[in-house]
């Protein structure tokens, strides 16, 4: 069974609520109806003006819809949101006037993130029209990062056509979409966030491999130093917090994924070719590898899934279909569990 089918089943049992801010997109209203029809969420709120929702539904061929709608500029929630947003900005030493806060919260991304922050909904899915920088800016300003994590990141869920030698059908790659050149401490945050994503989606013990062109010091170069340091820091964090996470590095790809190679190149490793979370040293490596796995190995790639945020928020490709939005919605629900 494809991983997305398993995630849909998991989401169906969760009874969660989502907000889809881009009600001016016919793909979004189509996805909202499918999400409700399939029971992936028990409630969907679509943001937009009455005219926007009407036009989107007409284009999508929807004569009667079951999702809720809110016009951010006219919502009864706006006053409360303005107050909370002003207080949050002041607490960060970046005060803002009520008028400026009002203008900001008229933006559907900021309004949707405030709904998520306040627990009115459990997560947000957008990006069919909004750019990724706009998505990230709104999420970081309103929600911030999760406890113990300083940066947001992204990952791809790779649904493999052929299992790894160790029998894994799903791997998670990170970071493939947000941080161009993370330092050692940032790689730790990426690894910890990805471990959380793996557990929330797949439900098994994360086995993290920090990837490199070197295994256990088989090569020496200054660009390897941050990978070695990130591995050590992550191991320390996992041990100190007594987390059920396996970590090793620096490892070449074959040492991370092929048991026989691991026994030869990395004897004594806690990961014996059975890594399921792959942490790349930079965005070049991560983005290239996920696309190669997708195009050459025929894997289905779901993402970029945002992670490390205080609440689940996920970005879409602007070329997405309503089915793509449906799939990301299921992932977002699972992240909220």
Foldseek 3Di string as FASTA:
>chain_A
DFLLVVLQVVLLVQQFEEEEAPLLALLQQVLLQVCCVSNSYVAYEYEDDPVSNVVSCVVNVHPDGDHHYDQQLPDPCLVVQLVVLQVLCVVVVRGDDSVVSSVVSSPSLLVRLSCCQVVVGQEYEYALPDPPVVNVVSQCSRFNFAPPAHDKAFKKWWQFPDAFPVGDRIAIEPRQPDFFADFLNNLLNGQVFVQLLCCLSVVDAAEEEEEDPDWPCPDDDPLCVSSVSNQVVNVVVCVVVVHRHHTDDDDHLQLQAPQVVVCVRPNPGPRRNNHRYYYYRGNVVRNVVVVCCCPVRVIDIQDRFMTRTNGGYGHDHNPDGSVSSNSVSSSRSSSSD
